[in-house]
Amino acid sequence: MTPLKIKQTLLAYCQNFAEERRQKVLKTITNIEESLFEEGKSTAGDKHHTGRAMLQIDRENAGKQLQEAEKLIALAAKIQVVRAGEVVSLGSLVHTETVQYFIGVSAGLISLSGTEYYCVSPSSPIGQLLLGKREGDSYIFRDESHQITAVL
């Protein structure tokens, strides 16, 4: 697989991850709103008000999760994999002596053609360490020194 094809596949994985997360949160919000509607039919007094209050808190939390998912989608939309740079940036594929990273959305580990890639956000701890680095540069992560062998 060419580096461009790998990056395109990893980008698609990140985009799908972000969209699936968004859909999951939207489903949660729908379920909460349905529960609120059903709770609105009840007139059980204090228990009714407590239940509604808890559902309102759940809806607020789900709203925050939806904002985060939409931020992931927006970040994934900014990623350009066509350009290859010498410096690690959004959309870079970074090879080290032991690990491969795709700088994009924190979507976890994916295996392609027997090689494992970590999809990490530029704002994650490892993403922050890698940004701006070049092939041959070293960095320390979790008390271990690593060297970048390629930036694609």
N, C-alpha and C. Protein backbone atom coordinates (compact mmCIF):
# COMPACT_ATOMS: atom_id res chain seq x y z
N MET A 1 0.84 -1.17 0.00
CA MET A 1 0.00 0.00 0.00
C MET A 1 0.89 1.25 0.00
N THR A 2 0.57 2.21 -0.83
CA THR A 2 1.36 3.45 -0.88
C THR A 2 1.07 4.31 0.35
N PRO A 3 2.00 5.19 0.70
CA PRO A 3 1.75 6.08 1.85
C PRO A 3 0.47 6.90 1.68
N LEU A 4 0.19 7.38 0.46
CA LEU A 4 -1.02 8.16 0.23
C LEU A 4 -2.26 7.30 0.47
N LYS A 5 -2.25 6.07 0.00
CA LYS A 5 -3.40 5.17 0.19
C LYS A 5 -3.59 4.87 1.68
N ILE A 6 -2.50 4.66 2.39
CA ILE A 6 -2.57 4.42 3.83
C ILE A 6 -3.20 5.63 4.52
N LYS A 7 -2.72 6.83 4.18
CA LYS A 7 -3.25 8.04 4.79
C LYS A 7 -4.73 8.24 4.45
N GLN A 8 -5.12 7.95 3.23
CA GLN A 8 -6.53 8.07 2.84
C GLN A 8 -7.39 7.09 3.63
N THR A 9 -6.90 5.88 3.81
CA THR A 9 -7.63 4.87 4.57
C THR A 9 -7.74 5.27 6.04
N LEU A 10 -6.66 5.79 6.60
CA LEU A 10 -6.68 6.23 8.00
C LEU A 10 -7.60 7.43 8.18
N LEU A 11 -7.60 8.33 7.22
CA LEU A 11 -8.49 9.48 7.29
C LEU A 11 -9.95 9.03 7.24
N ALA A 12 -10.26 8.11 6.35
CA ALA A 12 -11.63 7.58 6.26
C ALA A 12 -12.03 6.92 7.57
N TYR A 13 -11.11 6.20 8.18
CA TYR A 13 -11.36 5.56 9.48
C TYR A 13 -11.68 6.62 10.53
N CYS A 14 -10.90 7.69 10.57
CA CYS A 14 -11.12 8.78 11.53
C CYS A 14 -12.46 9.46 11.29
N GLN A 15 -12.79 9.69 10.02
CA GLN A 15 -14.07 10.33 9.69
C GLN A 15 -15.24 9.44 10.11
N ASN A 16 -15.14 8.15 9.85
CA ASN A 16 -16.19 7.21 10.25
C ASN A 16 -16.32 7.14 11.77
N PHE A 17 -15.18 7.14 12.45
CA PHE A 17 -15.17 7.12 13.91
C PHE A 17 -15.92 8.33 14.46
N ALA A 18 -15.61 9.50 13.93
CA ALA A 18 -16.25 10.74 14.40
C ALA A 18 -17.75 10.73 14.11
N GLU A 19 -18.13 10.28 12.93
CA GLU A 19 -19.55 10.26 12.56
C GLU A 19 -20.31 9.23 13.39
N GLU A 20 -19.72 8.07 13.63
CA GLU A 20 -20.38 7.06 14.47
C GLU A 20 -20.58 7.58 15.89
N ARG A 21 -19.60 8.30 16.37
CA ARG A 21 -19.71 8.88 17.71
C ARG A 21 -20.86 9.89 17.74
N ARG A 22 -20.94 10.72 16.72
CA ARG A 22 -22.02 11.71 16.61
C ARG A 22 -23.39 11.02 16.58
N GLN A 23 -23.50 9.98 15.77
CA GLN A 23 -24.78 9.27 15.65
C GLN A 23 -25.19 8.62 16.98
N LYS A 24 -24.22 8.09 17.68
CA LYS A 24 -24.49 7.46 18.98
C LYS A 24 -25.02 8.50 19.97
N VAL A 25 -24.41 9.68 19.98
CA VAL A 25 -24.86 10.74 20.89
C VAL A 25 -26.25 11.23 20.49
N LEU A 26 -26.50 11.37 19.19
CA LEU A 26 -27.82 11.80 18.73
C LEU A 26 -28.90 10.81 19.16
N LYS A 27 -28.58 9.52 19.10
CA LYS A 27 -29.52 8.49 19.53
C LYS A 27 -29.78 8.62 21.03
N THR A 28 -28.73 8.89 21.80
CA THR A 28 -28.87 9.08 23.24
C THR A 28 -29.78 10.28 23.53
N ILE A 29 -29.57 11.37 22.80
CA ILE A 29 -30.40 12.56 22.99
C ILE A 29 -31.85 12.26 22.67
N THR A 30 -32.09 11.53 21.59
CA THR A 30 -33.46 11.16 21.23
C THR A 30 -34.11 10.33 22.34
N ASN A 31 -33.36 9.38 22.88
CA ASN A 31 -33.89 8.55 23.97
C ASN A 31 -34.20 9.38 25.21
N ILE A 32 -33.34 10.33 25.52
CA ILE A 32 -33.57 11.19 26.69
C ILE A 32 -34.82 12.04 26.47
N GLU A 33 -34.94 12.60 25.26
CA GLU A 33 -36.11 13.44 24.97
C GLU A 33 -37.40 12.63 25.03
N GLU A 34 -37.36 11.40 24.56
CA GLU A 34 -38.53 10.53 24.67
C GLU A 34 -38.86 10.25 26.13
N SER A 35 -37.84 10.04 26.94
CA SER A 35 -38.05 9.81 28.37
C SER A 35 -38.62 11.05 29.05
N LEU A 36 -38.13 12.23 28.64
CA LEU A 36 -38.66 13.47 29.19
C LEU A 36 -40.14 13.64 28.83
N PHE A 37 -40.48 13.29 27.61
CA PHE A 37 -41.88 13.37 27.17
C PHE A 37 -42.75 12.45 28.02
N GLU A 38 -42.28 11.21 28.22
CA GLU A 38 -43.03 10.26 29.04
C GLU A 38 -43.10 10.73 30.49
N GLU A 39 -42.00 11.31 30.97
CA GLU A 39 -41.96 11.80 32.34
C GLU A 39 -42.93 12.98 32.51
N GLY A 40 -43.11 13.74 31.44
CA GLY A 40 -44.02 14.87 31.48
C GLY A 40 -45.47 14.46 31.66
N LYS A 41 -45.81 13.26 31.29
CA LYS A 41 -47.18 12.75 31.45
C LYS A 41 -47.47 12.36 32.90
N SER A 42 -46.39 12.13 33.67
CA SER A 42 -46.55 11.67 35.05
C SER A 42 -46.85 12.87 35.97
N THR A 43 -47.57 12.60 37.02
CA THR A 43 -47.85 13.63 38.03
C THR A 43 -47.56 13.06 39.41
N ALA A 44 -46.44 12.39 39.53
CA ALA A 44 -46.13 11.68 40.77
C ALA A 44 -45.45 12.57 41.81
N GLY A 45 -45.51 13.88 41.68
CA GLY A 45 -44.98 14.77 42.71
C GLY A 45 -43.47 14.88 42.68
N ASP A 46 -42.86 14.79 43.88
CA ASP A 46 -41.41 14.97 44.02
C ASP A 46 -40.61 13.99 43.17
N LYS A 47 -41.08 12.76 43.12
CA LYS A 47 -40.39 11.75 42.32
C LYS A 47 -40.39 12.18 40.84
N HIS A 48 -41.47 12.74 40.39
CA HIS A 48 -41.59 13.24 39.02
C HIS A 48 -40.56 14.34 38.75
N HIS A 49 -40.44 15.30 39.67
CA HIS A 49 -39.51 16.41 39.49
C HIS A 49 -38.05 15.95 39.54
N THR A 50 -37.76 15.01 40.40
CA THR A 50 -36.40 14.47 40.49
C THR A 50 -36.03 13.74 39.20
N GLY A 51 -36.95 12.94 38.70
CA GLY A 51 -36.70 12.21 37.45
C GLY A 51 -36.47 13.16 36.29
N ARG A 52 -37.29 14.21 36.18
CA ARG A 52 -37.13 15.21 35.11
C ARG A 52 -35.78 15.93 35.25
N ALA A 53 -35.41 16.26 36.47
CA ALA A 53 -34.15 16.96 36.70
C ALA A 53 -32.97 16.08 36.27
N MET A 54 -33.03 14.82 36.59
CA MET A 54 -31.95 13.90 36.20
C MET A 54 -31.87 13.78 34.67
N LEU A 55 -33.04 13.70 34.02
CA LEU A 55 -33.05 13.62 32.56
C LEU A 55 -32.52 14.91 31.93
N GLN A 56 -32.82 16.05 32.54
CA GLN A 56 -32.30 17.32 32.03
C GLN A 56 -30.78 17.35 32.11
N ILE A 57 -30.23 16.85 33.21
CA ILE A 57 -28.77 16.78 33.37
C ILE A 57 -28.18 15.84 32.32
N ASP A 58 -28.83 14.70 32.12
CA ASP A 58 -28.37 13.77 31.09
C ASP A 58 -28.39 14.42 29.71
N ARG A 59 -29.44 15.21 29.44
CA ARG A 59 -29.53 15.87 28.14
C ARG A 59 -28.42 16.91 27.97
N GLU A 60 -28.12 17.66 29.03
CA GLU A 60 -27.02 18.63 28.98
C GLU A 60 -25.69 17.94 28.71
N ASN A 61 -25.45 16.84 29.41
CA ASN A 61 -24.21 16.08 29.20
C ASN A 61 -24.13 15.55 27.77
N ALA A 62 -25.23 15.04 27.27
CA ALA A 62 -25.25 14.53 25.90
C ALA A 62 -25.02 15.67 24.91
N GLY A 63 -25.53 16.85 25.21
CA GLY A 63 -25.29 18.01 24.36
C GLY A 63 -23.81 18.35 24.29
N LYS A 64 -23.13 18.27 25.42
CA LYS A 64 -21.67 18.50 25.45
C LYS A 64 -20.94 17.44 24.62
N GLN A 65 -21.38 16.19 24.75
CA GLN A 65 -20.77 15.11 23.98
C GLN A 65 -21.00 15.33 22.48
N LEU A 66 -22.18 15.84 22.13
CA LEU A 66 -22.47 16.13 20.72
C LEU A 66 -21.55 17.23 20.20
N GLN A 67 -21.31 18.24 21.00
CA GLN A 67 -20.38 19.30 20.59
C GLN A 67 -18.98 18.73 20.35
N GLU A 68 -18.54 17.85 21.23
CA GLU A 68 -17.22 17.23 21.06
C GLU A 68 -17.16 16.39 19.79
N ALA A 69 -18.22 15.63 19.53
CA ALA A 69 -18.26 14.80 18.32
C ALA A 69 -18.24 15.69 17.08
N GLU A 70 -18.95 16.80 17.12
CA GLU A 70 -18.95 17.71 15.98
C GLU A 70 -17.59 18.39 15.79
N LYS A 71 -16.87 18.62 16.88
CA LYS A 71 -15.50 19.14 16.78
C LYS A 71 -14.61 18.11 16.08
N LEU A 72 -14.79 16.83 16.42
CA LEU A 72 -14.01 15.78 15.76
C LEU A 72 -14.30 15.75 14.26
N ILE A 73 -15.57 15.88 13.90
CA ILE A 73 -15.95 15.88 12.49
C ILE A 73 -15.32 17.07 11.78
N ALA A 74 -15.35 18.24 12.42
CA ALA A 74 -14.74 19.44 11.83
C ALA A 74 -13.23 19.28 11.68
N LEU A 75 -12.59 18.68 12.68
CA LEU A 75 -11.15 18.45 12.60
C LEU A 75 -10.83 17.49 11.46
N ALA A 76 -11.59 16.42 11.36
CA ALA A 76 -11.36 15.44 10.29
C ALA A 76 -11.53 16.09 8.91
N ALA A 77 -12.44 17.04 8.81
CA ALA A 77 -12.67 17.72 7.52
C ALA A 77 -11.48 18.60 7.12
N LYS A 78 -10.69 19.03 8.09
CA LYS A 78 -9.53 19.88 7.81
C LYS A 78 -8.29 19.09 7.36
N ILE A 79 -8.32 17.80 7.58
CA ILE A 79 -7.12 16.99 7.32
C ILE A 79 -6.90 16.84 5.83
N GLN A 80 -5.68 17.15 5.42
CA GLN A 80 -5.28 16.99 4.02
C GLN A 80 -4.17 15.95 3.97
N VAL A 81 -4.45 14.84 3.31
CA VAL A 81 -3.47 13.76 3.27
C VAL A 81 -2.65 13.76 1.98
N VAL A 82 -3.04 14.57 1.02
CA VAL A 82 -2.35 14.56 -0.28
C VAL A 82 -0.95 15.14 -0.16
N ARG A 83 -0.84 16.19 0.62
CA ARG A 83 0.48 16.83 0.73
C ARG A 83 1.35 16.07 1.73
N ALA A 84 2.58 15.92 1.37
CA ALA A 84 3.55 15.30 2.28
C ALA A 84 4.48 16.40 2.73
N GLY A 85 4.76 16.43 3.99
CA GLY A 85 5.64 17.47 4.50
C GLY A 85 6.81 16.87 5.24
N GLU A 86 7.79 17.70 5.41
CA GLU A 86 8.96 17.26 6.17
C GLU A 86 8.72 17.40 7.66
N VAL A 87 7.74 18.25 8.01
CA VAL A 87 7.45 18.54 9.41
C VAL A 87 6.12 17.89 9.79
N VAL A 88 6.07 17.29 10.96
CA VAL A 88 4.84 16.64 11.43
C VAL A 88 3.77 17.70 11.64
N SER A 89 2.61 17.46 11.00
CA SER A 89 1.46 18.36 11.12
C SER A 89 0.19 17.53 10.95
N LEU A 90 -0.95 18.20 10.99
CA LEU A 90 -2.22 17.53 10.80
C LEU A 90 -2.22 16.79 9.47
N GLY A 91 -2.54 15.50 9.50
CA GLY A 91 -2.54 14.68 8.30
C GLY A 91 -1.25 13.92 8.06
N SER A 92 -0.25 14.12 8.91
CA SER A 92 1.03 13.42 8.73
C SER A 92 0.94 11.97 9.18
N LEU A 93 1.70 11.15 8.49
CA LEU A 93 1.92 9.77 8.88
C LEU A 93 3.34 9.73 9.44
N VAL A 94 3.47 9.37 10.71
CA VAL A 94 4.76 9.43 11.39
C VAL A 94 5.20 8.02 11.75
N HIS A 95 6.37 7.66 11.26
CA HIS A 95 6.96 6.35 11.60
C HIS A 95 8.07 6.56 12.62
N THR A 96 8.05 5.72 13.65
CA THR A 96 9.16 5.69 14.60
C THR A 96 9.75 4.28 14.52
N GLU A 97 10.76 4.03 15.32
CA GLU A 97 11.37 2.70 15.27
C GLU A 97 10.44 1.61 15.77
N THR A 98 9.38 1.98 16.51
CA THR A 98 8.48 0.97 17.05
C THR A 98 7.00 1.19 16.75
N VAL A 99 6.59 2.43 16.49
CA VAL A 99 5.17 2.76 16.38
C VAL A 99 4.93 3.67 15.18
N GLN A 100 3.73 3.55 14.60
CA GLN A 100 3.32 4.43 13.50
C GLN A 100 2.12 5.25 13.98
N TYR A 101 2.14 6.56 13.70
CA TYR A 101 1.06 7.45 14.11
C TYR A 101 0.48 8.16 12.89
N PHE A 102 -0.83 8.38 12.95
CA PHE A 102 -1.50 9.25 11.99
C PHE A 102 -2.03 10.43 12.79
N ILE A 103 -1.60 11.63 12.44
CA ILE A 103 -2.02 12.82 13.16
C ILE A 103 -3.34 13.29 12.57
N GLY A 104 -4.40 13.08 13.33
CA GLY A 104 -5.73 13.43 12.85
C GLY A 104 -6.71 13.52 13.99
N VAL A 105 -7.53 12.51 14.13
CA VAL A 105 -8.55 12.41 15.17
C VAL A 105 -8.15 11.27 16.10
N SER A 106 -8.32 11.47 17.40
CA SER A 106 -8.03 10.39 18.35
C SER A 106 -9.06 9.29 18.18
N ALA A 107 -8.74 8.34 17.33
CA ALA A 107 -9.67 7.25 17.02
C ALA A 107 -9.11 5.89 17.41
N GLY A 108 -7.96 5.88 18.03
CA GLY A 108 -7.41 4.62 18.50
C GLY A 108 -6.54 3.90 17.49
N LEU A 109 -6.47 2.61 17.65
CA LEU A 109 -5.57 1.74 16.89
C LEU A 109 -6.30 1.11 15.71
N ILE A 110 -5.63 1.09 14.57
CA ILE A 110 -6.16 0.41 13.38
C ILE A 110 -5.02 -0.37 12.75
N SER A 111 -5.34 -1.55 12.26
CA SER A 111 -4.35 -2.40 11.60
C SER A 111 -4.63 -2.42 10.10
N LEU A 112 -3.60 -2.10 9.31
CA LEU A 112 -3.70 -2.13 7.85
C LEU A 112 -2.56 -2.97 7.30
N SER A 113 -2.89 -3.95 6.55
CA SER A 113 -1.88 -4.82 5.91
C SER A 113 -0.84 -5.30 6.92
N GLY A 114 -1.29 -5.64 8.11
CA GLY A 114 -0.40 -6.19 9.13
C GLY A 114 0.39 -5.15 9.91
N THR A 115 0.19 -3.88 9.63
CA THR A 115 0.89 -2.82 10.35
C THR A 115 -0.13 -2.06 11.19
N GLU A 116 0.24 -1.77 12.44
CA GLU A 116 -0.66 -1.05 13.33
C GLU A 116 -0.34 0.44 13.30
N TYR A 117 -1.41 1.24 13.26
CA TYR A 117 -1.29 2.70 13.25
C TYR A 117 -2.15 3.24 14.38
N TYR A 118 -1.61 4.21 15.10
CA TYR A 118 -2.37 4.90 16.12
C TYR A 118 -2.86 6.21 15.52
N CYS A 119 -4.18 6.39 15.51
CA CYS A 119 -4.78 7.65 15.06
C CYS A 119 -4.87 8.53 16.29
N VAL A 120 -4.09 9.63 16.29
CA VAL A 120 -4.02 10.51 17.45
C VAL A 120 -4.34 11.94 17.05
N SER A 121 -4.87 12.67 17.99
CA SER A 121 -5.19 14.07 17.80
C SER A 121 -3.92 14.91 17.98
N PRO A 122 -3.81 16.02 17.27
CA PRO A 122 -2.66 16.90 17.49
C PRO A 122 -2.66 17.50 18.90
N SER A 123 -3.81 17.49 19.58
CA SER A 123 -3.87 18.04 20.94
C SER A 123 -3.63 16.98 22.01
N SER A 124 -3.48 15.71 21.61
CA SER A 124 -3.19 14.65 22.57
C SER A 124 -1.75 14.80 23.04
N PRO A 125 -1.40 14.18 24.17
CA PRO A 125 -0.01 14.29 24.64
C PRO A 125 1.02 13.85 23.59
N ILE A 126 0.80 12.72 22.93
CA ILE A 126 1.77 12.27 21.92
C ILE A 126 1.71 13.17 20.69
N GLY A 127 0.52 13.62 20.33
CA GLY A 127 0.37 14.53 19.20
C GLY A 127 1.15 15.82 19.42
N GLN A 128 1.07 16.37 20.63
CA GLN A 128 1.78 17.59 20.95
C GLN A 128 3.29 17.39 20.89
N LEU A 129 3.74 16.21 21.31
CA LEU A 129 5.18 15.92 21.24
C LEU A 129 5.68 15.82 19.80
N LEU A 130 4.84 15.26 18.93
CA LEU A 130 5.25 15.02 17.55
C LEU A 130 5.16 16.25 16.65
N LEU A 131 4.19 17.12 16.90
CA LEU A 131 4.00 18.29 16.04
C LEU A 131 5.28 19.10 15.91
N GLY A 132 5.61 19.44 14.68
CA GLY A 132 6.80 20.25 14.43
C GLY A 132 8.10 19.46 14.31
N LYS A 133 8.05 18.18 14.63
CA LYS A 133 9.26 17.35 14.53
C LYS A 133 9.50 16.94 13.09
N ARG A 134 10.71 16.49 12.82
CA ARG A 134 11.13 16.06 11.49
C ARG A 134 11.74 14.66 11.56
N GLU A 135 11.91 14.08 10.40
CA GLU A 135 12.61 12.78 10.33
C GLU A 135 13.97 12.92 11.00
N GLY A 136 14.31 11.95 11.86
CA GLY A 136 15.58 11.96 12.58
C GLY A 136 15.49 12.58 13.96
N ASP A 137 14.44 13.37 14.22
CA ASP A 137 14.27 13.97 15.55
C ASP A 137 13.90 12.91 16.57
N SER A 138 14.25 13.18 17.80
CA SER A 138 13.91 12.29 18.91
C SER A 138 12.92 12.99 19.83
N TYR A 139 12.21 12.18 20.61
CA TYR A 139 11.29 12.70 21.62
C TYR A 139 11.21 11.67 22.73
N ILE A 140 10.79 12.13 23.90
CA ILE A 140 10.62 11.24 25.05
C ILE A 140 9.14 11.16 25.37
N PHE A 141 8.64 9.93 25.40
CA PHE A 141 7.24 9.68 25.74
C PHE A 141 7.20 8.53 26.72
N ARG A 142 6.52 8.76 27.84
CA ARG A 142 6.43 7.75 28.91
C ARG A 142 7.81 7.27 29.33
N ASP A 143 8.70 8.21 29.54
CA ASP A 143 10.06 7.96 30.02
C ASP A 143 10.90 7.12 29.07
N GLU A 144 10.49 7.01 27.82
CA GLU A 144 11.27 6.28 26.83
C GLU A 144 11.59 7.20 25.66
N SER A 145 12.81 7.09 25.18
CA SER A 145 13.24 7.90 24.04
C SER A 145 12.86 7.19 22.74
N HIS A 146 12.36 7.95 21.79
CA HIS A 146 11.96 7.42 20.48
C HIS A 146 12.54 8.32 19.39
N GLN A 147 12.76 7.74 18.23
CA GLN A 147 13.27 8.51 17.10
C GLN A 147 12.30 8.38 15.93
N ILE A 148 12.07 9.50 15.28
CA ILE A 148 11.20 9.52 14.10
C ILE A 148 12.03 9.05 12.91
N THR A 149 11.54 7.99 12.25
CA THR A 149 12.28 7.44 11.11
C THR A 149 11.73 7.94 9.77
N ALA A 150 10.48 8.42 9.76
CA ALA A 150 9.93 8.97 8.53
C ALA A 150 8.70 9.84 8.84
N VAL A 151 8.54 10.89 8.06
CA VAL A 151 7.34 11.72 8.11
C VAL A 151 6.78 11.75 6.71
N LEU A 152 5.59 11.21 6.53
CA LEU A 152 4.98 11.12 5.20
C LEU A 152 3.68 11.92 5.14
